[in-house]
Amino acid sequence: LTSTRSPSGQRHYRDTDIDRVGFIQRLY
């Protein structure tokens, strides 16, 4: 999984990452 970082270092994700995380969970 990848994220972008804000200038303050906070991780930001796309809405499509919800599905990606679900897919990763199913593979685990």
PDB file of all heavy atoms in Angstrom:
ATOM      1  N   LEU A   1       0.863  -1.176   0.000  1.00  0.00           N
ATOM      2  CA  LEU A   1       0.000   0.000   0.000  1.00  0.00           C
ATOM      3  C   LEU A   1       0.901   1.228   0.000  1.00  0.00           C
ATOM      4  O   LEU A   1       1.958   1.212   0.630  1.00  0.00           O
ATOM      5  CB  LEU A   1      -0.867  -0.030   1.270  1.00  0.00           C
ATOM      6  CG  LEU A   1      -1.912   1.042   1.480  1.00  0.00           C
ATOM      7  CD1 LEU A   1      -3.012   0.928   0.419  1.00  0.00           C
ATOM      8  CD2 LEU A   1      -2.521   0.904   2.873  1.00  0.00           C
ATOM      9  N   THR A   2       0.476   2.252  -0.710  1.00  0.00           N
ATOM     10  CA  THR A   2       1.263   3.493  -0.729  1.00  0.00           C
ATOM     11  C   THR A   2       0.379   4.662  -0.340  1.00  0.00           C
ATOM     12  O   THR A   2      -0.840   4.608  -0.480  1.00  0.00           O
ATOM     13  CB  THR A   2       1.868   3.768  -2.121  1.00  0.00           C
ATOM     14  OG1 THR A   2       0.801   3.850  -3.074  1.00  0.00           O
ATOM     15  CG2 THR A   2       2.842   2.689  -2.534  1.00  0.00           C
ATOM     16  N   SER A   3       1.030   5.681   0.152  1.00  0.00           N
ATOM     17  CA  SER A   3       0.322   6.908   0.506  1.00  0.00           C
ATOM     18  C   SER A   3       1.165   8.090   0.059  1.00  0.00           C
ATOM     19  O   SER A   3       2.349   7.941  -0.245  1.00  0.00           O
ATOM     20  CB  SER A   3       0.089   6.972   2.021  1.00  0.00           C
ATOM     21  OG  SER A   3       1.330   7.077   2.700  1.00  0.00           O
ATOM     22  N   THR A   4       0.529   9.236   0.040  1.00  0.00           N
ATOM     23  CA  THR A   4       1.276  10.474  -0.148  1.00  0.00           C
ATOM     24  C   THR A   4       1.385  11.114   1.222  1.00  0.00           C
ATOM     25  O   THR A   4       0.623  10.774   2.131  1.00  0.00           O
ATOM     26  CB  THR A   4       0.558  11.418  -1.132  1.00  0.00           C
ATOM     27  OG1 THR A   4      -0.758  11.686  -0.647  1.00  0.00           O
ATOM     28  CG2 THR A   4       0.479  10.798  -2.519  1.00  0.00           C
ATOM     29  N   ARG A   5       2.327  12.014   1.364  1.00  0.00           N
ATOM     30  CA  ARG A   5       2.519  12.680   2.655  1.00  0.00           C
ATOM     31  C   ARG A   5       2.215  14.163   2.518  1.00  0.00           C
ATOM     32  O   ARG A   5       2.602  14.808   1.549  1.00  0.00           O
ATOM     33  CB  ARG A   5       3.962  12.518   3.147  1.00  0.00           C
ATOM     34  CG  ARG A   5       4.384  11.097   3.428  1.00  0.00           C
ATOM     35  CD  ARG A   5       3.739  10.575   4.695  1.00  0.00           C
ATOM     36  NE  ARG A   5       4.199   9.228   4.985  1.00  0.00           N
ATOM     37  CZ  ARG A   5       4.616   8.832   6.158  1.00  0.00           C
ATOM     38  NH1 ARG A   5       4.631   9.652   7.180  1.00  0.00           N
ATOM     39  NH2 ARG A   5       5.001   7.596   6.343  1.00  0.00           N
ATOM     40  N   SER A   6       1.553  14.674   3.517  1.00  0.00           N
ATOM     41  CA  SER A   6       1.302  16.114   3.581  1.00  0.00           C
ATOM     42  C   SER A   6       2.594  16.794   4.018  1.00  0.00           C
ATOM     43  O   SER A   6       3.521  16.123   4.496  1.00  0.00           O
ATOM     44  CB  SER A   6       0.178  16.403   4.577  1.00  0.00           C
ATOM     45  OG  SER A   6       0.638  16.175   5.898  1.00  0.00           O
ATOM     46  N   PRO A   7       2.677  18.117   3.890  1.00  0.00           N
ATOM     47  CA  PRO A   7       3.883  18.819   4.359  1.00  0.00           C
ATOM     48  C   PRO A   7       4.191  18.539   5.832  1.00  0.00           C
ATOM     49  O   PRO A   7       5.348  18.533   6.246  1.00  0.00           O
ATOM     50  CB  PRO A   7       3.550  20.295   4.132  1.00  0.00           C
ATOM     51  CG  PRO A   7       2.553  20.273   3.019  1.00  0.00           C
ATOM     52  CD  PRO A   7       1.755  19.016   3.217  1.00  0.00           C
ATOM     53  N   SER A   8       3.152  18.259   6.617  1.00  0.00           N
ATOM     54  CA  SER A   8       3.378  17.968   8.038  1.00  0.00           C
ATOM     55  C   SER A   8       3.675  16.481   8.283  1.00  0.00           C
ATOM     56  O   SER A   8       3.874  16.067   9.424  1.00  0.00           O
ATOM     57  CB  SER A   8       2.168  18.400   8.864  1.00  0.00           C
ATOM     58  OG  SER A   8       1.035  17.639   8.477  1.00  0.00           O
ATOM     59  N   GLY A   9       3.709  15.664   7.212  1.00  0.00           N
ATOM     60  CA  GLY A   9       4.068  14.254   7.333  1.00  0.00           C
ATOM     61  C   GLY A   9       2.902  13.301   7.490  1.00  0.00           C
ATOM     62  O   GLY A   9       3.106  12.099   7.645  1.00  0.00           O
ATOM     63  N   GLN A  10       1.662  13.812   7.464  1.00  0.00           N
ATOM     64  CA  GLN A  10       0.508  12.917   7.603  1.00  0.00           C
ATOM     65  C   GLN A  10       0.313  12.113   6.315  1.00  0.00           C
ATOM     66  O   GLN A  10       0.487  12.626   5.212  1.00  0.00           O
ATOM     67  CB  GLN A  10      -0.760  13.723   7.880  1.00  0.00           C
ATOM     68  CG  GLN A  10      -0.800  14.345   9.245  1.00  0.00           C
ATOM     69  CD  GLN A  10      -2.120  15.064   9.499  1.00  0.00           C
ATOM     70  OE1 GLN A  10      -2.806  15.497   8.572  1.00  0.00           O
ATOM     71  NE2 GLN A  10      -2.482  15.176  10.753  1.00  0.00           N
ATOM     72  N   ARG A  11      -0.056  10.846   6.496  1.00  0.00           N
ATOM     73  CA  ARG A  11      -0.333   9.978   5.355  1.00  0.00           C
ATOM     74  C   ARG A  11      -1.707  10.320   4.786  1.00  0.00           C
ATOM     75  O   ARG A  11      -2.660  10.507   5.536  1.00  0.00           O
ATOM     76  CB  ARG A  11      -0.321   8.512   5.785  1.00  0.00           C
ATOM     77  CG  ARG A  11       1.020   7.981   6.178  1.00  0.00           C
ATOM     78  CD  ARG A  11       0.844   6.549   6.700  1.00  0.00           C
ATOM     79  NE  ARG A  11       2.094   5.880   6.888  1.00  0.00           N
ATOM     80  CZ  ARG A  11       2.760   5.835   8.044  1.00  0.00           C
ATOM     81  NH1 ARG A  11       2.270   6.437   9.106  1.00  0.00           N
ATOM     82  NH2 ARG A  11       3.902   5.192   8.138  1.00  0.00           N
ATOM     83  N   HIS A  12      -1.783  10.295   3.457  1.00  0.00           N
ATOM     84  CA  HIS A  12      -3.064  10.495   2.768  1.00  0.00           C
ATOM     85  C   HIS A  12      -3.247   9.381   1.743  1.00  0.00           C
ATOM     86  O   HIS A  12      -2.304   9.007   1.043  1.00  0.00           O
ATOM     87  CB  HIS A  12      -3.116  11.864   2.092  1.00  0.00           C
ATOM     88  CG  HIS A  12      -3.216  12.990   3.061  1.00  0.00           C
ATOM     89  ND1 HIS A  12      -4.417  13.413   3.576  1.00  0.00           N
ATOM     90  CD2 HIS A  12      -2.259  13.756   3.644  1.00  0.00           C
ATOM     91  CE1 HIS A  12      -4.194  14.405   4.436  1.00  0.00           C
ATOM     92  NE2 HIS A  12      -2.888  14.628   4.493  1.00  0.00           N
ATOM     93  N   TYR A  13      -4.461   8.841   1.716  1.00  0.00           N
ATOM     94  CA  TYR A  13      -4.788   7.722   0.835  1.00  0.00           C
ATOM     95  C   TYR A  13      -5.916   8.104  -0.114  1.00  0.00           C
ATOM     96  O   TYR A  13      -6.693   9.020   0.149  1.00  0.00           O
ATOM     97  CB  TYR A  13      -5.221   6.505   1.667  1.00  0.00           C
ATOM     98  CG  TYR A  13      -4.152   6.027   2.600  1.00  0.00           C
ATOM     99  CD1 TYR A  13      -4.068   6.496   3.908  1.00  0.00           C
ATOM    100  CD2 TYR A  13      -3.213   5.098   2.182  1.00  0.00           C
ATOM    101  CE1 TYR A  13      -3.075   6.059   4.774  1.00  0.00           C
ATOM    102  CE2 TYR A  13      -2.223   4.651   3.047  1.00  0.00           C
ATOM    103  CZ  TYR A  13      -2.161   5.139   4.329  1.00  0.00           C
ATOM    104  OH  TYR A  13      -1.177   4.708   5.177  1.00  0.00           O
ATOM    105  N   ARG A  14      -6.041   7.315  -1.180  1.00  0.00           N
ATOM    106  CA  ARG A  14      -7.131   7.498  -2.143  1.00  0.00           C
ATOM    107  C   ARG A  14      -8.333   6.665  -1.693  1.00  0.00           C
ATOM    108  O   ARG A  14      -8.183   5.694  -0.953  1.00  0.00           O
ATOM    109  CB  ARG A  14      -6.687   7.021  -3.524  1.00  0.00           C
ATOM    110  CG  ARG A  14      -5.464   7.761  -4.065  1.00  0.00           C
ATOM    111  CD  ARG A  14      -4.854   7.009  -5.208  1.00  0.00           C
ATOM    112  NE  ARG A  14      -4.403   5.721  -4.640  1.00  0.00           N
ATOM    113  CZ  ARG A  14      -3.899   4.727  -5.333  1.00  0.00           C
ATOM    114  NH1 ARG A  14      -3.766   4.804  -6.613  1.00  0.00           N
ATOM    115  NH2 ARG A  14      -3.524   3.609  -4.744  1.00  0.00           N
ATOM    116  N   ASP A  15      -9.495   7.015  -2.171  1.00  0.00           N
ATOM    117  CA  ASP A  15     -10.704   6.242  -1.860  1.00  0.00           C
ATOM    118  C   ASP A  15     -10.576   4.801  -2.353  1.00  0.00           C
ATOM    119  O   ASP A  15     -11.108   3.876  -1.729  1.00  0.00           O
ATOM    120  CB  ASP A  15     -11.939   6.899  -2.476  1.00  0.00           C
ATOM    121  CG  ASP A  15     -12.327   8.198  -1.788  1.00  0.00           C
ATOM    122  OD1 ASP A  15     -11.875   8.424  -0.640  1.00  0.00           O
ATOM    123  OD2 ASP A  15     -13.069   8.996  -2.396  1.00  0.00           O
ATOM    124  N   THR A  16      -9.885   4.592  -3.463  1.00  0.00           N
ATOM    125  CA  THR A  16      -9.720   3.236  -4.004  1.00  0.00           C
ATOM    126  C   THR A  16      -8.885   2.343  -3.089  1.00  0.00           C
ATOM    127  O   THR A  16      -8.913   1.118  -3.235  1.00  0.00           O
ATOM    128  CB  THR A  16      -9.058   3.284  -5.401  1.00  0.00           C
ATOM    129  OG1 THR A  16      -7.810   3.979  -5.301  1.00  0.00           O
ATOM    130  CG2 THR A  16      -9.959   3.979  -6.415  1.00  0.00           C
ATOM    131  N   ASP A  17      -8.159   2.943  -2.162  1.00  0.00           N
ATOM    132  CA  ASP A  17      -7.355   2.136  -1.238  1.00  0.00           C
ATOM    133  C   ASP A  17      -8.219   1.327  -0.278  1.00  0.00           C
ATOM    134  O   ASP A  17      -7.743   0.327   0.275  1.00  0.00           O
ATOM    135  CB  ASP A  17      -6.364   3.021  -0.470  1.00  0.00           C
ATOM    136  CG  ASP A  17      -5.225   3.499  -1.357  1.00  0.00           C
ATOM    137  OD1 ASP A  17      -4.846   2.760  -2.294  1.00  0.00           O
ATOM    138  OD2 ASP A  17      -4.713   4.611  -1.115  1.00  0.00           O
ATOM    139  N   ILE A  18      -9.468   1.717  -0.101  1.00  0.00           N
ATOM    140  CA  ILE A  18     -10.376   0.904   0.737  1.00  0.00           C
ATOM    141  C   ILE A  18     -10.508  -0.484   0.127  1.00  0.00           C
ATOM    142  O   ILE A  18     -10.374  -1.504   0.816  1.00  0.00           O
ATOM    143  CB  ILE A  18     -11.765   1.577   0.874  1.00  0.00           C
ATOM    144  CG1 ILE A  18     -11.632   2.932   1.580  1.00  0.00           C
ATOM    145  CG2 ILE A  18     -12.734   0.660   1.617  1.00  0.00           C
ATOM    146  CD1 ILE A  18     -12.899   3.777   1.516  1.00  0.00           C
ATOM    147  N   ASP A  19     -10.744  -0.538  -1.190  1.00  0.00           N
ATOM    148  CA  ASP A  19     -10.861  -1.827  -1.875  1.00  0.00           C
ATOM    149  C   ASP A  19      -9.535  -2.587  -1.859  1.00  0.00           C
ATOM    150  O   ASP A  19      -9.515  -3.802  -1.702  1.00  0.00           O
ATOM    151  CB  ASP A  19     -11.322  -1.634  -3.314  1.00  0.00           C
ATOM    152  CG  ASP A  19     -12.758  -1.147  -3.409  1.00  0.00           C
ATOM    153  OD1 ASP A  19     -13.550  -1.414  -2.482  1.00  0.00           O
ATOM    154  OD2 ASP A  19     -13.086  -0.489  -4.419  1.00  0.00           O
ATOM    155  N   ARG A  20      -8.435  -1.866  -2.018  1.00  0.00           N
ATOM    156  CA  ARG A  20      -7.123  -2.522  -2.023  1.00  0.00           C
ATOM    157  C   ARG A  20      -6.854  -3.178  -0.664  1.00  0.00           C
ATOM    158  O   ARG A  20      -6.370  -4.312  -0.604  1.00  0.00           O
ATOM    159  CB  ARG A  20      -6.023  -1.524  -2.361  1.00  0.00           C
ATOM    160  CG  ARG A  20      -4.656  -2.173  -2.488  1.00  0.00           C
ATOM    161  CD  ARG A  20      -3.616  -1.133  -2.876  1.00  0.00           C
ATOM    162  NE  ARG A  20      -2.334  -1.725  -3.145  1.00  0.00           N
ATOM    163  CZ  ARG A  20      -1.916  -2.156  -4.330  1.00  0.00           C
ATOM    164  NH1 ARG A  20      -2.711  -2.074  -5.381  1.00  0.00           N
ATOM    165  NH2 ARG A  20      -0.715  -2.668  -4.478  1.00  0.00           N
ATOM    166  N   VAL A  21      -7.152  -2.480   0.402  1.00  0.00           N
ATOM    167  CA  VAL A  21      -6.943  -3.047   1.743  1.00  0.00           C
ATOM    168  C   VAL A  21      -7.825  -4.283   1.927  1.00  0.00           C
ATOM    169  O   VAL A  21      -7.378  -5.298   2.465  1.00  0.00           O
ATOM    170  CB  VAL A  21      -7.207  -1.987   2.834  1.00  0.00           C
ATOM    171  CG1 VAL A  21      -7.232  -2.626   4.218  1.00  0.00           C
ATOM    172  CG2 VAL A  21      -6.153  -0.889   2.773  1.00  0.00           C
ATOM    173  N   GLY A  22      -9.064  -4.233   1.459  1.00  0.00           N
ATOM    174  CA  GLY A  22      -9.935  -5.404   1.534  1.00  0.00           C
ATOM    175  C   GLY A  22      -9.367  -6.583   0.769  1.00  0.00           C
ATOM    176  O   GLY A  22      -9.414  -7.732   1.236  1.00  0.00           O
ATOM    177  N   PHE A  23      -8.814  -6.298  -0.409  1.00  0.00           N
ATOM    178  CA  PHE A  23      -8.197  -7.341  -1.228  1.00  0.00           C
ATOM    179  C   PHE A  23      -6.990  -7.945  -0.501  1.00  0.00           C
ATOM    180  O   PHE A  23      -6.842  -9.172  -0.433  1.00  0.00           O
ATOM    181  CB  PHE A  23      -7.777  -6.739  -2.579  1.00  0.00           C
ATOM    182  CG  PHE A  23      -7.116  -7.710  -3.510  1.00  0.00           C
ATOM    183  CD1 PHE A  23      -7.823  -8.790  -4.040  1.00  0.00           C
ATOM    184  CD2 PHE A  23      -5.790  -7.542  -3.882  1.00  0.00           C
ATOM    185  CE1 PHE A  23      -7.214  -9.681  -4.916  1.00  0.00           C
ATOM    186  CE2 PHE A  23      -5.178  -8.421  -4.749  1.00  0.00           C
ATOM    187  CZ  PHE A  23      -5.886  -9.496  -5.270  1.00  0.00           C
ATOM    188  N   ILE A  24      -6.150  -7.100   0.061  1.00  0.00           N
ATOM    189  CA  ILE A  24      -4.981  -7.571   0.819  1.00  0.00           C
ATOM    190  C   ILE A  24      -5.436  -8.431   1.991  1.00  0.00           C
ATOM    191  O   ILE A  24      -4.866  -9.500   2.246  1.00  0.00           O
ATOM    192  CB  ILE A  24      -4.124  -6.376   1.290  1.00  0.00           C
ATOM    193  CG1 ILE A  24      -3.473  -5.682   0.090  1.00  0.00           C
ATOM    194  CG2 ILE A  24      -3.074  -6.823   2.302  1.00  0.00           C
ATOM    195  CD1 ILE A  24      -2.859  -4.327   0.410  1.00  0.00           C
ATOM    196  N   GLN A  25      -6.470  -8.001   2.685  1.00  0.00           N
ATOM    197  CA  GLN A  25      -6.995  -8.771   3.823  1.00  0.00           C
ATOM    198  C   GLN A  25      -7.477 -10.153   3.379  1.00  0.00           C
ATOM    199  O   GLN A  25      -7.229 -11.152   4.065  1.00  0.00           O
ATOM    200  CB  GLN A  25      -8.163  -8.012   4.466  1.00  0.00           C
ATOM    201  CG  GLN A  25      -7.744  -6.800   5.273  1.00  0.00           C
ATOM    202  CD  GLN A  25      -7.218  -7.224   6.624  1.00  0.00           C
ATOM    203  OE1 GLN A  25      -7.934  -7.739   7.454  1.00  0.00           O
ATOM    204  NE2 GLN A  25      -5.933  -7.007   6.837  1.00  0.00           N
ATOM    205  N   ARG A  26      -8.149 -10.219   2.233  1.00  0.00           N
ATOM    206  CA  ARG A  26      -8.631 -11.518   1.736  1.00  0.00           C
ATOM    207  C   ARG A  26      -7.460 -12.440   1.390  1.00  0.00           C
ATOM    208  O   ARG A  26      -7.514 -13.648   1.649  1.00  0.00           O
ATOM    209  CB  ARG A  26      -9.557 -11.327   0.540  1.00  0.00           C
ATOM    210  CG  ARG A  26     -10.910 -10.759   0.923  1.00  0.00           C
ATOM    211  CD  ARG A  26     -11.918 -10.787  -0.225  1.00  0.00           C
ATOM    212  NE  ARG A  26     -11.511  -9.995  -1.377  1.00  0.00           N
ATOM    213  CZ  ARG A  26     -11.645  -8.668  -1.491  1.00  0.00           C
ATOM    214  NH1 ARG A  26     -12.187  -7.983  -0.492  1.00  0.00           N
ATOM    215  NH2 ARG A  26     -11.271  -8.042  -2.584  1.00  0.00           N
ATOM    216  N   LEU A  27      -6.397 -11.883   0.822  1.00  0.00           N
ATOM    217  CA  LEU A  27      -5.238 -12.705   0.490  1.00  0.00           C
ATOM    218  C   LEU A  27      -4.545 -13.218   1.752  1.00  0.00           C
ATOM    219  O   LEU A  27      -4.128 -14.380   1.805  1.00  0.00           O
ATOM    220  CB  LEU A  27      -4.259 -11.914  -0.387  1.00  0.00           C
ATOM    221  CG  LEU A  27      -4.780 -11.556  -1.781  1.00  0.00           C
ATOM    222  CD1 LEU A  27      -3.765 -10.693  -2.525  1.00  0.00           C
ATOM    223  CD2 LEU A  27      -5.127 -12.795  -2.590  1.00  0.00           C
ATOM    224  N   TYR A  28      -4.448 -12.370   2.767  1.00  0.00           N
ATOM    225  CA  TYR A  28      -3.903 -12.832   4.046  1.00  0.00           C
ATOM    226  C   TYR A  28      -4.787 -13.929   4.634  1.00  0.00           C
ATOM    227  O   TYR A  28      -4.291 -14.937   5.137  1.00  0.00           O
ATOM    228  CB  TYR A  28      -3.783 -11.684   5.055  1.00  0.00           C
ATOM    229  CG  TYR A  28      -2.503 -10.885   4.961  1.00  0.00           C
ATOM    230  CD1 TYR A  28      -2.536  -9.518   4.740  1.00  0.00           C
ATOM    231  CD2 TYR A  28      -1.264 -11.494   5.116  1.00  0.00           C
ATOM    232  CE1 TYR A  28      -1.372  -8.772   4.662  1.00  0.00           C
ATOM    233  CE2 TYR A  28      -0.086 -10.753   5.042  1.00  0.00           C
ATOM    234  CZ  TYR A  28      -0.147  -9.404   4.812  1.00  0.00           C
ATOM    235  OH  TYR A  28       1.003  -8.678   4.738  1.00  0.00           O
TER     236      TYR A  28
END
